[in-house]
Amino acid sequence: MDRADRWVVGFLAGGVALILLGILLVALFTRVPLSHLEITAQGAQILRQAGVPVQAARDWPGAYRVTPQASDAAFSSTATLYFPSGKTVQLPRRDVLLWVYRG
């Protein structure tokens, strides 16, 4: 490879790296709109302690329903839930039984 080829390869590799970095940054700061969540009893306890209203799920014994406005993207073991009242609560993803997305 001559010098010009190395410049072209470097330029293309840098462009691909910047595109991937941009996708990662957008994904980290994006909030996913939710209709409701079905959660376990442990998750319901965490949300009650934070002052968030939680209801027993009518169609799923042992599960509870909560209606957050949005959640962060699924890159970690915890889900940050954003509620219309302005509260933000972190909940372990293992406590979420069902995600129902809005949209």
N, C-alpha and C. Protein backbone atom coordinates (compact mmCIF):
# COMPACT_ATOMS: atom_id res chain seq x y z
N MET A 1 0.84 -1.18 0.00
CA MET A 1 0.00 0.00 0.00
C MET A 1 0.89 1.24 0.00
N ASP A 2 0.54 2.17 -0.83
CA ASP A 2 1.30 3.41 -0.84
C ASP A 2 0.67 4.41 0.13
N ARG A 3 1.24 5.58 0.16
CA ARG A 3 0.84 6.60 1.13
C ARG A 3 -0.61 7.05 0.93
N ALA A 4 -1.04 7.24 -0.30
CA ALA A 4 -2.41 7.69 -0.59
C ALA A 4 -3.44 6.65 -0.14
N ASP A 5 -3.10 5.36 -0.35
CA ASP A 5 -4.02 4.30 0.09
C ASP A 5 -4.18 4.31 1.61
N ARG A 6 -3.10 4.54 2.31
CA ARG A 6 -3.17 4.59 3.78
C ARG A 6 -4.03 5.75 4.25
N TRP A 7 -3.92 6.88 3.57
CA TRP A 7 -4.75 8.03 3.93
C TRP A 7 -6.23 7.73 3.71
N VAL A 8 -6.55 7.11 2.60
CA VAL A 8 -7.94 6.77 2.30
C VAL A 8 -8.48 5.77 3.33
N VAL A 9 -7.70 4.75 3.65
CA VAL A 9 -8.13 3.75 4.63
C VAL A 9 -8.32 4.42 6.00
N GLY A 10 -7.40 5.27 6.38
CA GLY A 10 -7.52 5.98 7.66
C GLY A 10 -8.74 6.88 7.72
N PHE A 11 -8.97 7.58 6.61
CA PHE A 11 -10.14 8.46 6.54
C PHE A 11 -11.44 7.67 6.64
N LEU A 12 -11.54 6.57 5.91
CA LEU A 12 -12.75 5.74 5.95
C LEU A 12 -12.94 5.08 7.32
N ALA A 13 -11.88 4.59 7.93
CA ALA A 13 -11.98 3.98 9.25
C ALA A 13 -12.39 5.02 10.30
N GLY A 14 -11.84 6.22 10.20
CA GLY A 14 -12.25 7.29 11.11
C GLY A 14 -13.71 7.66 10.94
N GLY A 15 -14.18 7.69 9.71
CA GLY A 15 -15.59 8.00 9.46
C GLY A 15 -16.52 6.95 10.04
N VAL A 16 -16.15 5.68 9.85
CA VAL A 16 -16.96 4.60 10.41
C VAL A 16 -16.97 4.68 11.94
N ALA A 17 -15.82 4.96 12.54
CA ALA A 17 -15.74 5.08 13.99
C ALA A 17 -16.61 6.23 14.50
N LEU A 18 -16.61 7.35 13.80
CA LEU A 18 -17.44 8.49 14.21
C LEU A 18 -18.93 8.18 14.07
N ILE A 19 -19.30 7.46 13.02
CA ILE A 19 -20.71 7.08 12.85
C ILE A 19 -21.14 6.16 13.98
N LEU A 20 -20.33 5.18 14.32
CA LEU A 20 -20.67 4.26 15.41
C LEU A 20 -20.73 4.98 16.76
N LEU A 21 -19.83 5.91 16.98
CA LEU A 21 -19.86 6.69 18.21
C LEU A 21 -21.12 7.54 18.28
N GLY A 22 -21.52 8.12 17.16
CA GLY A 22 -22.76 8.91 17.13
C GLY A 22 -23.98 8.06 17.42
N ILE A 23 -24.03 6.86 16.87
CA ILE A 23 -25.16 5.96 17.13
C ILE A 23 -25.20 5.60 18.61
N LEU A 24 -24.06 5.31 19.20
CA LEU A 24 -24.01 4.96 20.62
C LEU A 24 -24.46 6.13 21.49
N LEU A 25 -24.02 7.34 21.19
CA LEU A 25 -24.42 8.50 21.97
C LEU A 25 -25.92 8.77 21.86
N VAL A 26 -26.47 8.64 20.67
CA VAL A 26 -27.91 8.84 20.51
C VAL A 26 -28.68 7.78 21.29
N ALA A 27 -28.23 6.54 21.23
CA ALA A 27 -28.90 5.46 21.95
C ALA A 27 -28.82 5.65 23.46
N LEU A 28 -27.73 6.18 23.97
CA LEU A 28 -27.60 6.38 25.41
C LEU A 28 -28.53 7.47 25.94
N PHE A 29 -28.82 8.48 25.13
CA PHE A 29 -29.61 9.60 25.60
C PHE A 29 -31.05 9.58 25.09
N THR A 30 -31.47 8.51 24.45
CA THR A 30 -32.83 8.41 23.93
C THR A 30 -33.75 7.83 25.00
N ARG A 31 -34.94 8.40 25.11
CA ARG A 31 -35.96 7.86 26.00
C ARG A 31 -37.01 7.15 25.16
N VAL A 32 -37.32 5.92 25.56
CA VAL A 32 -38.28 5.10 24.84
C VAL A 32 -39.66 5.32 25.46
N PRO A 33 -40.68 5.75 24.69
CA PRO A 33 -42.02 5.97 25.26
C PRO A 33 -42.68 4.65 25.65
N LEU A 34 -43.30 4.64 26.83
CA LEU A 34 -43.95 3.43 27.35
C LEU A 34 -45.42 3.67 27.60
N SER A 35 -46.21 2.63 27.41
CA SER A 35 -47.62 2.66 27.78
C SER A 35 -47.77 2.25 29.24
N HIS A 36 -47.23 1.07 29.57
CA HIS A 36 -47.19 0.61 30.96
C HIS A 36 -46.20 -0.53 31.10
N LEU A 37 -45.92 -0.88 32.34
CA LEU A 37 -45.04 -1.99 32.66
C LEU A 37 -45.75 -2.93 33.61
N GLU A 38 -45.47 -4.21 33.47
CA GLU A 38 -45.89 -5.20 34.46
C GLU A 38 -44.62 -5.56 35.22
N ILE A 39 -44.65 -5.43 36.56
CA ILE A 39 -43.45 -5.64 37.36
C ILE A 39 -43.71 -6.63 38.48
N THR A 40 -42.63 -7.10 39.10
CA THR A 40 -42.71 -8.03 40.21
C THR A 40 -43.03 -7.28 41.50
N ALA A 41 -43.25 -8.04 42.57
CA ALA A 41 -43.54 -7.43 43.88
C ALA A 41 -42.34 -6.63 44.39
N GLN A 42 -41.12 -7.09 44.12
CA GLN A 42 -39.93 -6.34 44.55
C GLN A 42 -39.85 -5.00 43.83
N GLY A 43 -40.15 -4.99 42.55
CA GLY A 43 -40.16 -3.74 41.79
C GLY A 43 -41.25 -2.80 42.27
N ALA A 44 -42.40 -3.37 42.59
CA ALA A 44 -43.50 -2.55 43.11
C ALA A 44 -43.12 -1.90 44.44
N GLN A 45 -42.39 -2.63 45.28
CA GLN A 45 -41.95 -2.08 46.56
C GLN A 45 -40.99 -0.92 46.35
N ILE A 46 -40.08 -1.05 45.40
CA ILE A 46 -39.12 0.03 45.10
C ILE A 46 -39.87 1.28 44.63
N LEU A 47 -40.86 1.09 43.76
CA LEU A 47 -41.61 2.24 43.24
C LEU A 47 -42.49 2.86 44.31
N ARG A 48 -43.08 2.06 45.18
CA ARG A 48 -43.90 2.62 46.27
C ARG A 48 -43.05 3.45 47.21
N GLN A 49 -41.83 2.99 47.50
CA GLN A 49 -40.94 3.75 48.37
C GLN A 49 -40.56 5.09 47.73
N ALA A 50 -40.56 5.14 46.41
CA ALA A 50 -40.25 6.39 45.70
C ALA A 50 -41.48 7.28 45.57
N GLY A 51 -42.64 6.79 46.00
CA GLY A 51 -43.86 7.59 45.94
C GLY A 51 -44.60 7.50 44.62
N VAL A 52 -44.40 6.42 43.89
CA VAL A 52 -45.05 6.23 42.60
C VAL A 52 -46.25 5.29 42.80
N PRO A 53 -47.44 5.65 42.29
CA PRO A 53 -48.60 4.76 42.44
C PRO A 53 -48.45 3.48 41.62
N VAL A 54 -48.73 2.36 42.26
CA VAL A 54 -48.62 1.04 41.63
C VAL A 54 -49.93 0.31 41.86
N GLN A 55 -50.45 -0.36 40.83
CA GLN A 55 -51.70 -1.11 40.93
C GLN A 55 -51.43 -2.59 40.68
N ALA A 56 -52.24 -3.44 41.32
CA ALA A 56 -52.15 -4.88 41.04
C ALA A 56 -52.68 -5.12 39.63
N ALA A 57 -51.99 -5.97 38.89
CA ALA A 57 -52.41 -6.29 37.52
C ALA A 57 -53.61 -7.22 37.58
N ARG A 58 -54.70 -6.86 36.90
CA ARG A 58 -55.93 -7.66 36.93
C ARG A 58 -55.76 -9.00 36.23
N ASP A 59 -55.00 -9.03 35.18
CA ASP A 59 -54.90 -10.24 34.36
C ASP A 59 -53.64 -11.06 34.61
N TRP A 60 -52.83 -10.69 35.62
CA TRP A 60 -51.59 -11.40 35.89
C TRP A 60 -51.40 -11.48 37.40
N PRO A 61 -51.75 -12.61 38.02
CA PRO A 61 -51.61 -12.73 39.48
C PRO A 61 -50.15 -12.59 39.92
N GLY A 62 -49.93 -11.81 40.94
CA GLY A 62 -48.58 -11.59 41.47
C GLY A 62 -47.82 -10.50 40.77
N ALA A 63 -48.40 -9.90 39.75
CA ALA A 63 -47.74 -8.82 39.02
C ALA A 63 -48.41 -7.50 39.34
N TYR A 64 -47.70 -6.44 39.13
CA TYR A 64 -48.20 -5.09 39.38
C TYR A 64 -48.00 -4.25 38.13
N ARG A 65 -48.89 -3.28 37.94
CA ARG A 65 -48.84 -2.41 36.76
C ARG A 65 -48.47 -1.00 37.20
N VAL A 66 -47.58 -0.41 36.43
CA VAL A 66 -47.15 0.96 36.64
C VAL A 66 -47.12 1.65 35.28
N THR A 67 -47.40 2.94 35.26
CA THR A 67 -47.49 3.66 33.99
C THR A 67 -46.47 4.81 33.91
N PRO A 68 -45.21 4.47 33.60
CA PRO A 68 -44.23 5.53 33.38
C PRO A 68 -44.42 6.17 32.01
N GLN A 69 -43.88 7.33 31.85
CA GLN A 69 -43.96 8.03 30.56
C GLN A 69 -42.92 7.49 29.59
N ALA A 70 -41.72 7.18 30.10
CA ALA A 70 -40.64 6.72 29.24
C ALA A 70 -39.60 5.97 30.06
N SER A 71 -38.68 5.33 29.33
CA SER A 71 -37.56 4.63 29.94
C SER A 71 -36.33 4.90 29.09
N ASP A 72 -35.16 4.66 29.69
CA ASP A 72 -33.94 4.79 28.90
C ASP A 72 -33.73 3.54 28.07
N ALA A 73 -32.75 3.57 27.21
CA ALA A 73 -32.46 2.43 26.34
C ALA A 73 -31.91 1.26 27.16
N ALA A 74 -31.95 0.08 26.61
CA ALA A 74 -31.60 -1.14 27.33
C ALA A 74 -30.11 -1.46 27.24
N PHE A 75 -29.26 -0.67 27.88
CA PHE A 75 -27.83 -0.93 27.85
C PHE A 75 -27.27 -1.32 29.21
N SER A 76 -28.07 -1.29 30.25
CA SER A 76 -27.56 -1.60 31.59
C SER A 76 -28.51 -2.54 32.30
N SER A 77 -28.11 -2.96 33.48
CA SER A 77 -28.94 -3.89 34.24
C SER A 77 -30.05 -3.18 35.00
N THR A 78 -30.06 -1.86 34.99
CA THR A 78 -31.14 -1.10 35.62
C THR A 78 -31.87 -0.28 34.56
N ALA A 79 -33.14 -0.10 34.80
CA ALA A 79 -33.97 0.72 33.91
C ALA A 79 -34.31 2.01 34.64
N THR A 80 -34.05 3.13 34.02
CA THR A 80 -34.45 4.41 34.58
C THR A 80 -35.83 4.74 34.02
N LEU A 81 -36.81 4.85 34.91
CA LEU A 81 -38.18 5.14 34.50
C LEU A 81 -38.49 6.60 34.77
N TYR A 82 -39.09 7.26 33.79
CA TYR A 82 -39.45 8.67 33.88
C TYR A 82 -40.97 8.76 33.95
N PHE A 83 -41.49 9.41 35.00
CA PHE A 83 -42.93 9.51 35.21
C PHE A 83 -43.43 10.90 34.88
N PRO A 84 -44.72 11.01 34.51
CA PRO A 84 -45.28 12.33 34.16
C PRO A 84 -45.19 13.34 35.30
N SER A 85 -45.15 12.86 36.54
CA SER A 85 -45.06 13.77 37.69
C SER A 85 -43.68 14.39 37.84
N GLY A 86 -42.72 13.93 37.04
CA GLY A 86 -41.37 14.45 37.11
C GLY A 86 -40.41 13.57 37.89
N LYS A 87 -40.92 12.52 38.51
CA LYS A 87 -40.07 11.61 39.27
C LYS A 87 -39.31 10.69 38.33
N THR A 88 -38.10 10.35 38.74
CA THR A 88 -37.25 9.42 38.02
C THR A 88 -36.83 8.34 38.99
N VAL A 89 -37.07 7.08 38.62
CA VAL A 89 -36.76 5.96 39.50
C VAL A 89 -35.96 4.93 38.73
N GLN A 90 -34.91 4.40 39.37
CA GLN A 90 -34.15 3.31 38.77
C GLN A 90 -34.66 1.99 39.33
N LEU A 91 -34.93 1.06 38.42
CA LEU A 91 -35.50 -0.23 38.76
C LEU A 91 -34.65 -1.31 38.10
N PRO A 92 -34.30 -2.39 38.84
CA PRO A 92 -33.56 -3.48 38.19
C PRO A 92 -34.40 -4.09 37.07
N ARG A 93 -33.78 -4.35 35.93
CA ARG A 93 -34.51 -4.90 34.78
C ARG A 93 -35.08 -6.28 35.07
N ARG A 94 -34.50 -7.01 36.01
CA ARG A 94 -35.02 -8.34 36.34
C ARG A 94 -36.40 -8.25 37.00
N ASP A 95 -36.77 -7.07 37.52
CA ASP A 95 -38.08 -6.89 38.15
C ASP A 95 -39.17 -6.55 37.14
N VAL A 96 -38.81 -6.31 35.90
CA VAL A 96 -39.80 -5.99 34.87
C VAL A 96 -40.22 -7.28 34.17
N LEU A 97 -41.50 -7.59 34.23
CA LEU A 97 -42.03 -8.79 33.60
C LEU A 97 -42.44 -8.55 32.15
N LEU A 98 -43.01 -7.36 31.87
CA LEU A 98 -43.53 -7.07 30.53
C LEU A 98 -43.39 -5.59 30.24
N TRP A 99 -42.81 -5.27 29.10
CA TRP A 99 -42.70 -3.89 28.61
C TRP A 99 -43.78 -3.69 27.55
N VAL A 100 -44.61 -2.68 27.70
CA VAL A 100 -45.61 -2.35 26.68
C VAL A 100 -45.27 -0.94 26.18
N TYR A 101 -44.83 -0.89 24.94
CA TYR A 101 -44.37 0.38 24.36
C TYR A 101 -45.52 1.14 23.73
N ARG A 102 -45.39 2.45 23.74
CA ARG A 102 -46.37 3.33 23.12
C ARG A 102 -45.82 3.73 21.76
N GLY A 103 -46.67 3.96 20.83
CA GLY A 103 -46.12 4.48 19.63
C GLY A 103 -46.75 4.07 18.39
